[in-house]
N, C-alpha and C. Protein backbone atom coordinates (compact mmCIF):
# COMPACT_ATOMS: atom_id res chain seq x y z
N MET A 1 0.81 -1.19 0.00
CA MET A 1 0.00 0.00 0.00
C MET A 1 0.86 1.26 0.00
N GLY A 2 2.09 1.16 0.41
CA GLY A 2 2.96 2.32 0.45
C GLY A 2 3.40 2.77 -0.94
N ARG A 3 3.24 1.91 -1.94
CA ARG A 3 3.66 2.22 -3.30
C ARG A 3 2.87 3.38 -3.90
N GLY A 4 1.61 3.50 -3.59
CA GLY A 4 0.77 4.56 -4.14
C GLY A 4 1.23 5.94 -3.71
N ARG A 5 1.64 6.06 -2.48
CA ARG A 5 2.09 7.35 -1.97
C ARG A 5 3.42 7.75 -2.63
N ALA A 6 4.33 6.78 -2.78
CA ALA A 6 5.63 7.06 -3.42
C ALA A 6 5.44 7.43 -4.88
N LYS A 7 4.54 6.71 -5.54
CA LYS A 7 4.28 6.99 -6.96
C LYS A 7 3.67 8.38 -7.12
N ALA A 8 2.76 8.75 -6.25
CA ALA A 8 2.14 10.08 -6.32
C ALA A 8 3.18 11.17 -6.12
N LYS A 9 4.12 10.94 -5.21
CA LYS A 9 5.16 11.93 -4.96
C LYS A 9 6.07 12.05 -6.17
N GLN A 10 6.41 10.93 -6.82
CA GLN A 10 7.24 10.96 -8.01
C GLN A 10 6.54 11.71 -9.14
N GLN A 11 5.23 11.48 -9.29
CA GLN A 11 4.47 12.17 -10.32
C GLN A 11 4.42 13.67 -10.06
N LYS A 12 4.31 14.04 -8.79
CA LYS A 12 4.27 15.45 -8.42
C LYS A 12 5.58 16.14 -8.77
N VAL A 13 6.69 15.48 -8.45
CA VAL A 13 8.01 16.03 -8.76
C VAL A 13 8.21 16.12 -10.27
N ALA A 14 7.81 15.06 -10.99
CA ALA A 14 7.97 15.06 -12.44
C ALA A 14 7.13 16.15 -13.08
N ARG A 15 5.92 16.35 -12.60
CA ARG A 15 5.04 17.39 -13.13
C ARG A 15 5.62 18.78 -12.87
N ARG A 16 6.19 18.96 -11.69
CA ARG A 16 6.80 20.25 -11.35
C ARG A 16 8.00 20.54 -12.26
N LEU A 17 8.81 19.51 -12.53
CA LEU A 17 9.96 19.71 -13.43
C LEU A 17 9.50 19.98 -14.86
N LYS A 18 8.47 19.28 -15.29
CA LYS A 18 8.00 19.43 -16.67
C LYS A 18 7.41 20.81 -16.92
N TYR A 19 6.64 21.31 -15.98
CA TYR A 19 5.93 22.56 -16.20
C TYR A 19 6.54 23.75 -15.47
N SER A 20 7.77 23.61 -15.01
CA SER A 20 8.39 24.73 -14.30
C SER A 20 8.68 25.86 -15.29
N SER A 21 8.77 27.06 -14.77
CA SER A 21 8.97 28.23 -15.62
C SER A 21 10.43 28.42 -16.01
N GLY A 22 11.29 27.54 -15.56
CA GLY A 22 12.70 27.65 -15.94
C GLY A 22 13.40 28.78 -15.22
N GLY A 23 13.17 28.91 -13.93
CA GLY A 23 13.77 29.99 -13.16
C GLY A 23 15.22 29.73 -12.83
N THR A 24 16.01 29.39 -13.81
CA THR A 24 17.43 29.11 -13.60
C THR A 24 18.20 30.43 -13.55
N ASP A 25 19.02 30.58 -12.55
CA ASP A 25 19.86 31.76 -12.42
C ASP A 25 21.14 31.50 -13.21
N LEU A 26 21.18 32.01 -14.42
CA LEU A 26 22.31 31.72 -15.31
C LEU A 26 23.61 32.36 -14.84
N ASP A 27 23.51 33.52 -14.20
CA ASP A 27 24.72 34.17 -13.69
C ASP A 27 25.35 33.34 -12.57
N ARG A 28 24.51 32.81 -11.70
CA ARG A 28 25.02 31.96 -10.62
C ARG A 28 25.63 30.68 -11.17
N LEU A 29 24.97 30.09 -12.15
CA LEU A 29 25.49 28.87 -12.77
C LEU A 29 26.83 29.14 -13.44
N ARG A 30 26.95 30.28 -14.13
CA ARG A 30 28.20 30.64 -14.79
C ARG A 30 29.33 30.79 -13.78
N SER A 31 29.01 31.41 -12.63
CA SER A 31 30.05 31.60 -11.62
C SER A 31 30.45 30.27 -10.97
N GLU A 32 29.48 29.36 -10.80
CA GLU A 32 29.81 28.06 -10.23
C GLU A 32 30.66 27.23 -11.17
N LEU A 33 30.41 27.35 -12.46
CA LEU A 33 31.18 26.58 -13.44
C LEU A 33 32.52 27.22 -13.76
N GLY A 34 32.69 28.47 -13.38
CA GLY A 34 33.95 29.16 -13.62
C GLY A 34 34.10 29.62 -15.06
N VAL A 35 33.01 29.90 -15.72
CA VAL A 35 33.05 30.36 -17.11
C VAL A 35 33.10 31.87 -17.12
N ALA A 36 33.98 32.41 -17.94
CA ALA A 36 34.12 33.86 -18.03
C ALA A 36 32.97 34.44 -18.83
N GLU A 37 32.69 35.70 -18.59
CA GLU A 37 31.65 36.41 -19.34
C GLU A 37 32.08 36.56 -20.79
N ASP A 38 31.11 36.52 -21.71
CA ASP A 38 31.40 36.78 -23.12
C ASP A 38 31.58 38.27 -23.31
N SER A 39 32.77 38.67 -23.70
CA SER A 39 33.02 40.08 -23.90
C SER A 39 32.66 40.51 -25.32
N GLY A 40 32.62 39.57 -26.25
CA GLY A 40 32.27 39.88 -27.63
C GLY A 40 33.41 40.51 -28.40
N SER A 41 34.52 40.79 -27.76
CA SER A 41 35.63 41.44 -28.45
C SER A 41 36.76 40.45 -28.78
N GLU A 42 36.49 39.17 -28.60
CA GLU A 42 37.52 38.18 -28.92
C GLU A 42 37.66 38.07 -30.43
N PRO A 43 38.87 38.08 -30.94
CA PRO A 43 39.05 37.97 -32.39
C PRO A 43 38.74 36.56 -32.88
N ASP A 44 38.23 36.48 -34.07
CA ASP A 44 37.95 35.19 -34.68
C ASP A 44 39.27 34.58 -35.14
N PRO A 45 39.58 33.35 -34.75
CA PRO A 45 40.87 32.77 -35.11
C PRO A 45 41.02 32.50 -36.60
N TYR A 46 39.92 32.57 -37.37
CA TYR A 46 39.99 32.28 -38.79
C TYR A 46 40.05 33.53 -39.66
N ASP A 47 40.04 34.71 -39.04
CA ASP A 47 40.09 35.95 -39.81
C ASP A 47 41.36 36.04 -40.64
N ASP A 48 42.48 35.61 -40.10
CA ASP A 48 43.73 35.70 -40.86
C ASP A 48 43.72 34.75 -42.04
N LEU A 49 43.04 33.61 -41.94
CA LEU A 49 42.96 32.68 -43.06
C LEU A 49 42.15 33.26 -44.21
N VAL A 50 41.12 33.99 -43.89
CA VAL A 50 40.30 34.61 -44.93
C VAL A 50 41.15 35.58 -45.73
N ASP A 51 41.94 36.37 -45.04
CA ASP A 51 42.79 37.33 -45.73
C ASP A 51 43.87 36.65 -46.55
N ARG A 52 44.43 35.57 -46.02
CA ARG A 52 45.53 34.90 -46.72
C ARG A 52 45.07 34.18 -47.98
N TYR A 53 43.85 33.63 -47.96
CA TYR A 53 43.42 32.81 -49.09
C TYR A 53 42.33 33.46 -49.93
N ALA A 54 42.06 34.73 -49.73
CA ALA A 54 41.03 35.41 -50.51
C ALA A 54 41.41 35.47 -51.99
N ASP A 55 42.69 35.65 -52.29
CA ASP A 55 43.09 35.74 -53.69
C ASP A 55 42.96 34.39 -54.41
N LEU A 56 43.04 33.29 -53.68
CA LEU A 56 42.88 31.99 -54.31
C LEU A 56 41.43 31.71 -54.69
N ALA A 57 40.49 32.33 -54.02
CA ALA A 57 39.08 32.11 -54.32
C ALA A 57 38.73 32.59 -55.72
N GLU A 58 39.46 33.57 -56.21
CA GLU A 58 39.20 34.08 -57.56
C GLU A 58 39.55 33.04 -58.63
N ASN A 59 40.45 32.12 -58.33
CA ASN A 59 40.87 31.11 -59.30
C ASN A 59 39.85 30.00 -59.48
N TYR A 60 38.92 29.87 -58.55
CA TYR A 60 37.95 28.78 -58.59
C TYR A 60 36.57 29.35 -58.85
N SER A 61 35.80 28.65 -59.67
CA SER A 61 34.44 29.12 -59.95
C SER A 61 33.50 28.67 -58.86
N SER A 62 32.35 29.30 -58.80
CA SER A 62 31.35 28.92 -57.82
C SER A 62 30.73 27.58 -58.22
N PRO A 63 30.14 26.84 -57.30
CA PRO A 63 29.56 25.53 -57.62
C PRO A 63 28.39 25.62 -58.60
N ASP A 64 27.75 26.78 -58.72
CA ASP A 64 26.61 26.94 -59.63
C ASP A 64 27.05 27.11 -61.08
N GLU A 65 28.22 27.67 -61.28
CA GLU A 65 28.70 27.91 -62.63
C GLU A 65 29.64 26.79 -63.06
N PRO A 66 29.48 26.27 -64.27
CA PRO A 66 30.43 25.25 -64.72
C PRO A 66 31.79 25.87 -65.02
N ALA A 67 32.81 25.12 -64.82
CA ALA A 67 34.15 25.61 -65.11
C ALA A 67 34.32 25.75 -66.61
N GLU A 68 35.23 26.63 -67.02
CA GLU A 68 35.43 26.86 -68.45
C GLU A 68 35.93 25.61 -69.16
N ASP A 69 36.77 24.84 -68.49
CA ASP A 69 37.30 23.63 -69.10
C ASP A 69 36.21 22.62 -69.39
N GLU A 70 35.21 22.48 -68.52
CA GLU A 70 34.14 21.52 -68.71
C GLU A 70 33.28 21.90 -69.91
N SER A 71 32.97 23.17 -70.10
CA SER A 71 32.13 23.58 -71.20
C SER A 71 32.86 23.39 -72.53
N ASP A 72 34.18 23.59 -72.57
CA ASP A 72 34.95 23.38 -73.80
C ASP A 72 34.94 21.92 -74.18
N ARG A 73 35.05 21.02 -73.21
CA ARG A 73 35.09 19.59 -73.49
C ARG A 73 33.74 19.10 -74.01
N SER A 74 32.63 19.59 -73.47
CA SER A 74 31.33 19.12 -73.91
C SER A 74 31.06 19.57 -75.34
N ASP A 75 31.57 20.72 -75.75
CA ASP A 75 31.38 21.18 -77.12
C ASP A 75 32.20 20.36 -78.10
N SER A 76 33.37 19.91 -77.69
CA SER A 76 34.22 19.15 -78.59
C SER A 76 33.74 17.72 -78.78
N LEU A 77 32.95 17.20 -77.87
CA LEU A 77 32.45 15.84 -77.98
C LEU A 77 31.26 15.75 -78.91
N ARG A 78 30.60 16.82 -79.20
CA ARG A 78 29.40 16.78 -80.05
C ARG A 78 29.72 16.68 -81.49
């Protein structure tokens, strides 16, 4: 007979977790985990790669456009 009371308590806890408003204190959680605040001023580590390889992008066509070599070959096969 004690099983009904335990089951009701479990359902009550599960219902509370399911329908809770999510009152999580994110600042407190961040401080407990030791995570630094996002300053937004951190440089992107890939910015230098964009600058270094930007000139190579001009040598390659976009995926939507066929390369010049492919169009020449299809004309010669006809």
